Amino acid sequence: MTEGAWRGEGALLFGGSGFLGSAVLRAFPAMLSAGRTAPTASNRHIPVPDLRHLDALDGVPFDRVICCAGTSRHVELMSRPLEDSIASHVLPSVRLLEGLAHRRLRGFVRLSTVLLY
């Protein structure tokens, strides 16, 4: 990284234990992690067991959110009903947006796979 570059301050990432989320966290050491599973990266992690209850984030300063939460069992999901993919990818994003509606966010980025679409 270049000197003086943004290091992730003010950003919170959901899904940091997955492939993409862990890479983002390693690239931005000041970025916060949130979710059920702590990442392997050394970023500060805030346990959030359920996206319907984001109380753990009360008092945590952030104004940007990156969401990588979902499942990586894509091959398995492709052989199952569409509702399973929606439950694994779309509904968590909806819950997260609803739970953060009261926050004054500067940005929200959703990173996912083709299963989201």
N, C-alpha and C. Protein backbone atom coordinates (compact mmCIF):
# COMPACT_ATOMS: atom_id res chain seq x y z
N MET A 1 0.84 -1.18 0.00
CA MET A 1 0.00 0.00 0.00
C MET A 1 0.87 1.24 0.00
N THR A 2 0.35 2.26 -0.60
CA THR A 2 1.11 3.51 -0.61
C THR A 2 0.92 4.25 0.70
N GLU A 3 1.91 5.04 1.04
CA GLU A 3 1.85 5.79 2.27
C GLU A 3 0.67 6.76 2.24
N GLY A 4 -0.09 6.81 3.32
CA GLY A 4 -1.22 7.71 3.42
C GLY A 4 -2.48 7.17 2.76
N ALA A 5 -2.45 5.96 2.25
CA ALA A 5 -3.62 5.37 1.61
C ALA A 5 -4.66 5.01 2.65
N TRP A 6 -5.90 4.94 2.21
CA TRP A 6 -7.00 4.53 3.09
C TRP A 6 -6.75 3.11 3.55
N ARG A 7 -6.92 2.86 4.84
CA ARG A 7 -6.62 1.53 5.40
C ARG A 7 -7.88 0.82 5.89
N GLY A 8 -9.04 1.39 5.59
CA GLY A 8 -10.28 0.74 5.97
C GLY A 8 -11.01 1.40 7.13
N GLU A 9 -10.52 2.53 7.60
CA GLU A 9 -11.15 3.21 8.72
C GLU A 9 -12.61 3.53 8.39
N GLY A 10 -13.48 3.29 9.34
CA GLY A 10 -14.89 3.63 9.18
C GLY A 10 -15.68 2.62 8.36
N ALA A 11 -15.07 1.50 8.01
CA ALA A 11 -15.77 0.48 7.21
C ALA A 11 -15.94 -0.80 8.02
N LEU A 12 -17.05 -1.46 7.78
CA LEU A 12 -17.40 -2.69 8.45
C LEU A 12 -17.71 -3.74 7.40
N LEU A 13 -17.10 -4.91 7.51
CA LEU A 13 -17.29 -5.97 6.53
C LEU A 13 -17.99 -7.16 7.16
N PHE A 14 -19.06 -7.61 6.54
CA PHE A 14 -19.75 -8.84 6.94
C PHE A 14 -19.29 -9.96 6.03
N GLY A 15 -19.00 -11.12 6.59
CA GLY A 15 -18.57 -12.25 5.79
C GLY A 15 -17.07 -12.34 5.64
N GLY A 16 -16.34 -11.93 6.64
CA GLY A 16 -14.89 -11.91 6.57
C GLY A 16 -14.21 -13.26 6.71
N SER A 17 -14.96 -14.30 6.99
CA SER A 17 -14.33 -15.62 7.11
C SER A 17 -14.29 -16.35 5.77
N GLY A 18 -14.95 -15.81 4.77
CA GLY A 18 -14.93 -16.44 3.45
C GLY A 18 -13.73 -16.03 2.63
N PHE A 19 -13.63 -16.58 1.44
CA PHE A 19 -12.49 -16.33 0.56
C PHE A 19 -12.33 -14.85 0.23
N LEU A 20 -13.38 -14.24 -0.30
CA LEU A 20 -13.29 -12.84 -0.72
C LEU A 20 -13.19 -11.90 0.48
N GLY A 21 -14.04 -12.13 1.48
CA GLY A 21 -14.03 -11.26 2.65
C GLY A 21 -12.69 -11.25 3.37
N SER A 22 -12.07 -12.40 3.50
CA SER A 22 -10.78 -12.45 4.20
C SER A 22 -9.70 -11.72 3.40
N ALA A 23 -9.78 -11.77 2.08
CA ALA A 23 -8.80 -11.04 1.25
C ALA A 23 -8.98 -9.53 1.41
N VAL A 24 -10.22 -9.08 1.46
CA VAL A 24 -10.48 -7.65 1.65
C VAL A 24 -9.96 -7.20 3.01
N LEU A 25 -10.23 -7.97 4.04
CA LEU A 25 -9.77 -7.61 5.38
C LEU A 25 -8.25 -7.55 5.46
N ARG A 26 -7.57 -8.50 4.84
CA ARG A 26 -6.10 -8.47 4.86
C ARG A 26 -5.57 -7.22 4.15
N ALA A 27 -6.26 -6.77 3.11
CA ALA A 27 -5.81 -5.59 2.37
C ALA A 27 -6.07 -4.30 3.15
N PHE A 28 -7.04 -4.33 4.07
CA PHE A 28 -7.42 -3.13 4.81
C PHE A 28 -7.42 -3.43 6.31
N PRO A 29 -6.29 -3.32 6.97
CA PRO A 29 -6.15 -3.75 8.36
C PRO A 29 -6.99 -2.97 9.37
N ALA A 30 -7.42 -1.77 9.05
CA ALA A 30 -8.23 -0.99 9.99
C ALA A 30 -9.72 -1.26 9.81
N MET A 31 -10.10 -2.01 8.79
CA MET A 31 -11.49 -2.34 8.55
C MET A 31 -11.98 -3.29 9.64
N LEU A 32 -13.20 -3.07 10.09
CA LEU A 32 -13.80 -3.93 11.10
C LEU A 32 -14.46 -5.13 10.44
N SER A 33 -14.50 -6.22 11.15
CA SER A 33 -15.18 -7.43 10.71
C SER A 33 -16.39 -7.66 11.60
N ALA A 34 -17.48 -8.15 11.02
CA ALA A 34 -18.67 -8.49 11.81
C ALA A 34 -19.29 -9.74 11.23
N GLY A 35 -19.88 -10.53 12.10
CA GLY A 35 -20.55 -11.74 11.64
C GLY A 35 -20.45 -12.86 12.64
N ARG A 36 -20.96 -14.03 12.22
CA ARG A 36 -20.96 -15.20 13.11
C ARG A 36 -19.57 -15.76 13.35
N THR A 37 -18.75 -15.77 12.31
CA THR A 37 -17.45 -16.43 12.39
C THR A 37 -16.33 -15.40 12.29
N ALA A 38 -15.40 -15.45 13.20
CA ALA A 38 -14.26 -14.54 13.17
C ALA A 38 -13.37 -14.88 11.97
N PRO A 39 -12.82 -13.87 11.33
CA PRO A 39 -11.95 -14.12 10.19
C PRO A 39 -10.56 -14.58 10.64
N THR A 40 -9.80 -15.08 9.70
CA THR A 40 -8.41 -15.43 10.00
C THR A 40 -7.53 -14.19 10.00
N ALA A 41 -7.99 -13.12 9.36
CA ALA A 41 -7.25 -11.86 9.34
C ALA A 41 -7.24 -11.28 10.76
N SER A 42 -6.29 -10.41 11.03
CA SER A 42 -6.13 -9.87 12.38
C SER A 42 -7.03 -8.66 12.67
N ASN A 43 -7.91 -8.31 11.77
CA ASN A 43 -8.81 -7.17 11.98
C ASN A 43 -9.68 -7.39 13.22
N ARG A 44 -10.08 -6.30 13.84
CA ARG A 44 -11.00 -6.38 14.99
C ARG A 44 -12.31 -7.00 14.51
N HIS A 45 -12.80 -7.98 15.26
CA HIS A 45 -14.04 -8.67 14.89
C HIS A 45 -15.11 -8.42 15.94
N ILE A 46 -16.32 -8.13 15.48
CA ILE A 46 -17.47 -7.95 16.35
C ILE A 46 -18.42 -9.12 16.09
N PRO A 47 -18.63 -9.99 17.06
CA PRO A 47 -19.54 -11.12 16.85
C PRO A 47 -20.98 -10.66 16.67
N VAL A 48 -21.58 -11.07 15.57
CA VAL A 48 -22.98 -10.79 15.28
C VAL A 48 -23.61 -12.13 14.90
N PRO A 49 -24.25 -12.81 15.85
CA PRO A 49 -24.75 -14.16 15.58
C PRO A 49 -25.93 -14.21 14.62
N ASP A 50 -26.67 -13.11 14.49
CA ASP A 50 -27.87 -13.12 13.65
C ASP A 50 -28.08 -11.73 13.05
N LEU A 51 -28.25 -11.68 11.74
CA LEU A 51 -28.42 -10.38 11.07
C LEU A 51 -29.73 -9.70 11.42
N ARG A 52 -30.63 -10.40 12.09
CA ARG A 52 -31.88 -9.77 12.53
C ARG A 52 -31.68 -8.98 13.81
N HIS A 53 -30.53 -9.20 14.47
CA HIS A 53 -30.25 -8.54 15.74
C HIS A 53 -28.84 -7.96 15.68
N LEU A 54 -28.76 -6.70 15.31
CA LEU A 54 -27.47 -6.04 15.14
C LEU A 54 -27.09 -5.19 16.35
N ASP A 55 -27.63 -5.54 17.51
CA ASP A 55 -27.35 -4.78 18.74
C ASP A 55 -25.86 -4.72 19.05
N ALA A 56 -25.11 -5.72 18.66
CA ALA A 56 -23.67 -5.74 18.93
C ALA A 56 -22.95 -4.57 18.27
N LEU A 57 -23.59 -3.96 17.28
CA LEU A 57 -22.97 -2.84 16.56
C LEU A 57 -23.30 -1.48 17.17
N ASP A 58 -24.18 -1.46 18.16
CA ASP A 58 -24.51 -0.19 18.82
C ASP A 58 -23.24 0.40 19.42
N GLY A 59 -22.97 1.62 19.13
CA GLY A 59 -21.78 2.30 19.64
C GLY A 59 -20.52 2.06 18.84
N VAL A 60 -20.60 1.22 17.82
CA VAL A 60 -19.44 0.97 16.96
C VAL A 60 -19.46 2.00 15.83
N PRO A 61 -18.41 2.82 15.71
CA PRO A 61 -18.40 3.84 14.67
C PRO A 61 -18.04 3.26 13.29
N PHE A 62 -18.97 3.39 12.34
CA PHE A 62 -18.71 3.03 10.95
C PHE A 62 -19.74 3.75 10.08
N ASP A 63 -19.34 4.07 8.87
CA ASP A 63 -20.27 4.72 7.94
C ASP A 63 -20.26 4.08 6.55
N ARG A 64 -19.54 2.96 6.44
CA ARG A 64 -19.50 2.19 5.19
C ARG A 64 -19.65 0.72 5.54
N VAL A 65 -20.35 -0.02 4.68
CA VAL A 65 -20.53 -1.45 4.91
C VAL A 65 -20.22 -2.20 3.62
N ILE A 66 -19.48 -3.28 3.77
CA ILE A 66 -19.24 -4.21 2.67
C ILE A 66 -19.82 -5.54 3.12
N CYS A 67 -20.66 -6.13 2.30
CA CYS A 67 -21.29 -7.38 2.66
C CYS A 67 -20.84 -8.48 1.71
N CYS A 68 -20.17 -9.48 2.25
CA CYS A 68 -19.75 -10.67 1.51
C CYS A 68 -20.43 -11.90 2.09
N ALA A 69 -21.38 -11.71 2.98
CA ALA A 69 -22.01 -12.84 3.67
C ALA A 69 -22.82 -13.68 2.70
N GLY A 70 -22.77 -14.96 2.90
CA GLY A 70 -23.52 -15.91 2.08
C GLY A 70 -22.86 -17.27 2.18
N THR A 71 -23.21 -18.14 1.30
CA THR A 71 -22.61 -19.48 1.32
C THR A 71 -21.70 -19.67 0.13
N SER A 72 -20.72 -20.49 0.28
CA SER A 72 -19.82 -20.78 -0.83
C SER A 72 -20.10 -22.16 -1.43
N ARG A 73 -21.20 -22.77 -1.03
CA ARG A 73 -21.57 -24.08 -1.57
C ARG A 73 -22.40 -23.93 -2.84
N HIS A 74 -21.82 -23.27 -3.84
CA HIS A 74 -22.55 -22.92 -5.05
C HIS A 74 -23.00 -24.13 -5.85
N VAL A 75 -22.14 -25.12 -6.00
CA VAL A 75 -22.50 -26.30 -6.78
C VAL A 75 -23.70 -27.01 -6.15
N GLU A 76 -23.66 -27.13 -4.83
CA GLU A 76 -24.78 -27.76 -4.11
C GLU A 76 -26.06 -26.95 -4.29
N LEU A 77 -25.99 -25.64 -4.17
CA LEU A 77 -27.18 -24.80 -4.30
C LEU A 77 -27.77 -24.84 -5.71
N MET A 78 -26.93 -25.00 -6.71
CA MET A 78 -27.45 -25.01 -8.08
C MET A 78 -28.32 -26.22 -8.37
N SER A 79 -28.19 -27.27 -7.58
CA SER A 79 -29.01 -28.46 -7.78
C SER A 79 -30.24 -28.46 -6.87
N ARG A 80 -30.40 -27.41 -6.11
CA ARG A 80 -31.53 -27.31 -5.17
C ARG A 80 -32.52 -26.27 -5.66
N PRO A 81 -33.69 -26.19 -5.04
CA PRO A 81 -34.68 -25.19 -5.45
C PRO A 81 -34.14 -23.76 -5.33
N LEU A 82 -34.62 -22.88 -6.18
CA LEU A 82 -34.21 -21.49 -6.19
C LEU A 82 -34.37 -20.83 -4.82
N GLU A 83 -35.37 -21.24 -4.08
CA GLU A 83 -35.62 -20.66 -2.76
C GLU A 83 -34.42 -20.84 -1.83
N ASP A 84 -33.67 -21.92 -2.00
CA ASP A 84 -32.49 -22.12 -1.15
C ASP A 84 -31.41 -21.08 -1.43
N SER A 85 -31.22 -20.74 -2.71
CA SER A 85 -30.25 -19.70 -3.06
C SER A 85 -30.70 -18.34 -2.55
N ILE A 86 -31.99 -18.08 -2.66
CA ILE A 86 -32.52 -16.80 -2.16
C ILE A 86 -32.32 -16.72 -0.64
N ALA A 87 -32.59 -17.81 0.06
CA ALA A 87 -32.42 -17.82 1.52
C ALA A 87 -30.96 -17.65 1.92
N SER A 88 -30.04 -18.14 1.10
CA SER A 88 -28.61 -18.07 1.44
C SER A 88 -27.96 -16.76 1.06
N HIS A 89 -28.49 -16.06 0.06
CA HIS A 89 -27.82 -14.86 -0.44
C HIS A 89 -28.67 -13.59 -0.38
N VAL A 90 -29.89 -13.65 -0.84
CA VAL A 90 -30.70 -12.44 -0.91
C VAL A 90 -31.24 -12.04 0.46
N LEU A 91 -31.83 -12.97 1.17
CA LEU A 91 -32.44 -12.63 2.46
C LEU A 91 -31.44 -12.08 3.48
N PRO A 92 -30.22 -12.61 3.57
CA PRO A 92 -29.26 -11.97 4.50
C PRO A 92 -28.98 -10.51 4.14
N SER A 93 -28.92 -10.20 2.87
CA SER A 93 -28.69 -8.81 2.46
C SER A 93 -29.87 -7.92 2.85
N VAL A 94 -31.08 -8.43 2.66
CA VAL A 94 -32.28 -7.67 3.04
C VAL A 94 -32.29 -7.44 4.54
N ARG A 95 -32.01 -8.48 5.31
CA ARG A 95 -31.98 -8.33 6.78
C ARG A 95 -30.93 -7.30 7.21
N LEU A 96 -29.79 -7.35 6.57
CA LEU A 96 -28.72 -6.41 6.91
C LEU A 96 -29.13 -4.98 6.58
N LEU A 97 -29.69 -4.77 5.41
CA LEU A 97 -30.14 -3.42 5.03
C LEU A 97 -31.23 -2.92 5.97
N GLU A 98 -32.17 -3.78 6.33
CA GLU A 98 -33.22 -3.39 7.27
C GLU A 98 -32.63 -3.04 8.64
N GLY A 99 -31.68 -3.84 9.10
CA GLY A 99 -31.07 -3.61 10.40
C GLY A 99 -30.20 -2.37 10.46
N LEU A 100 -29.72 -1.92 9.31
CA LEU A 100 -28.85 -0.74 9.26
C LEU A 100 -29.58 0.51 8.76
N ALA A 101 -30.87 0.41 8.55
CA ALA A 101 -31.64 1.52 7.98
C ALA A 101 -31.53 2.80 8.81
N HIS A 102 -31.35 2.68 10.11
CA HIS A 102 -31.28 3.85 10.98
C HIS A 102 -29.90 4.51 10.98
N ARG A 103 -28.89 3.83 10.43
CA ARG A 103 -27.54 4.37 10.40
C ARG A 103 -27.39 5.33 9.23
N ARG A 104 -26.53 6.30 9.38
CA ARG A 104 -26.24 7.25 8.29
C ARG A 104 -25.02 6.73 7.54
N LEU A 105 -25.27 5.82 6.62
CA LEU A 105 -24.17 5.21 5.87
C LEU A 105 -23.79 6.05 4.67
N ARG A 106 -22.50 6.11 4.41
CA ARG A 106 -22.00 6.77 3.20
C ARG A 106 -21.97 5.80 2.03
N GLY A 107 -21.92 4.51 2.33
CA GLY A 107 -21.87 3.53 1.25
C GLY A 107 -22.20 2.13 1.73
N PHE A 108 -22.76 1.34 0.81
CA PHE A 108 -23.07 -0.06 1.05
C PHE A 108 -22.72 -0.82 -0.21
N VAL A 109 -21.82 -1.79 -0.09
CA VAL A 109 -21.38 -2.59 -1.24
C VAL A 109 -21.73 -4.04 -0.96
N ARG A 110 -22.38 -4.69 -1.93
CA ARG A 110 -22.72 -6.11 -1.79
C ARG A 110 -21.90 -6.89 -2.81
N LEU A 111 -21.02 -7.73 -2.32
CA LEU A 111 -20.21 -8.59 -3.18
C LEU A 111 -20.78 -10.00 -3.10
N SER A 112 -21.03 -10.59 -4.24
CA SER A 112 -21.61 -11.92 -4.24
C SER A 112 -21.28 -12.66 -5.51
N THR A 113 -21.98 -13.74 -5.71
CA THR A 113 -21.77 -14.57 -6.88
C THR A 113 -22.97 -14.49 -7.80
N VAL A 114 -22.94 -15.22 -8.86
CA VAL A 114 -24.05 -15.24 -9.81
C VAL A 114 -25.33 -15.75 -9.14
N LEU A 115 -25.22 -16.49 -8.06
CA LEU A 115 -26.42 -17.00 -7.38
C LEU A 115 -27.29 -15.89 -6.81
N LEU A 116 -26.71 -14.74 -6.57
CA LEU A 116 -27.53 -13.63 -6.08
C LEU A 116 -28.47 -13.13 -7.16
N TYR A 117 -28.08 -13.30 -8.39
CA TYR A 117 -28.87 -12.76 -9.51
C TYR A 117 -29.77 -13.80 -10.11
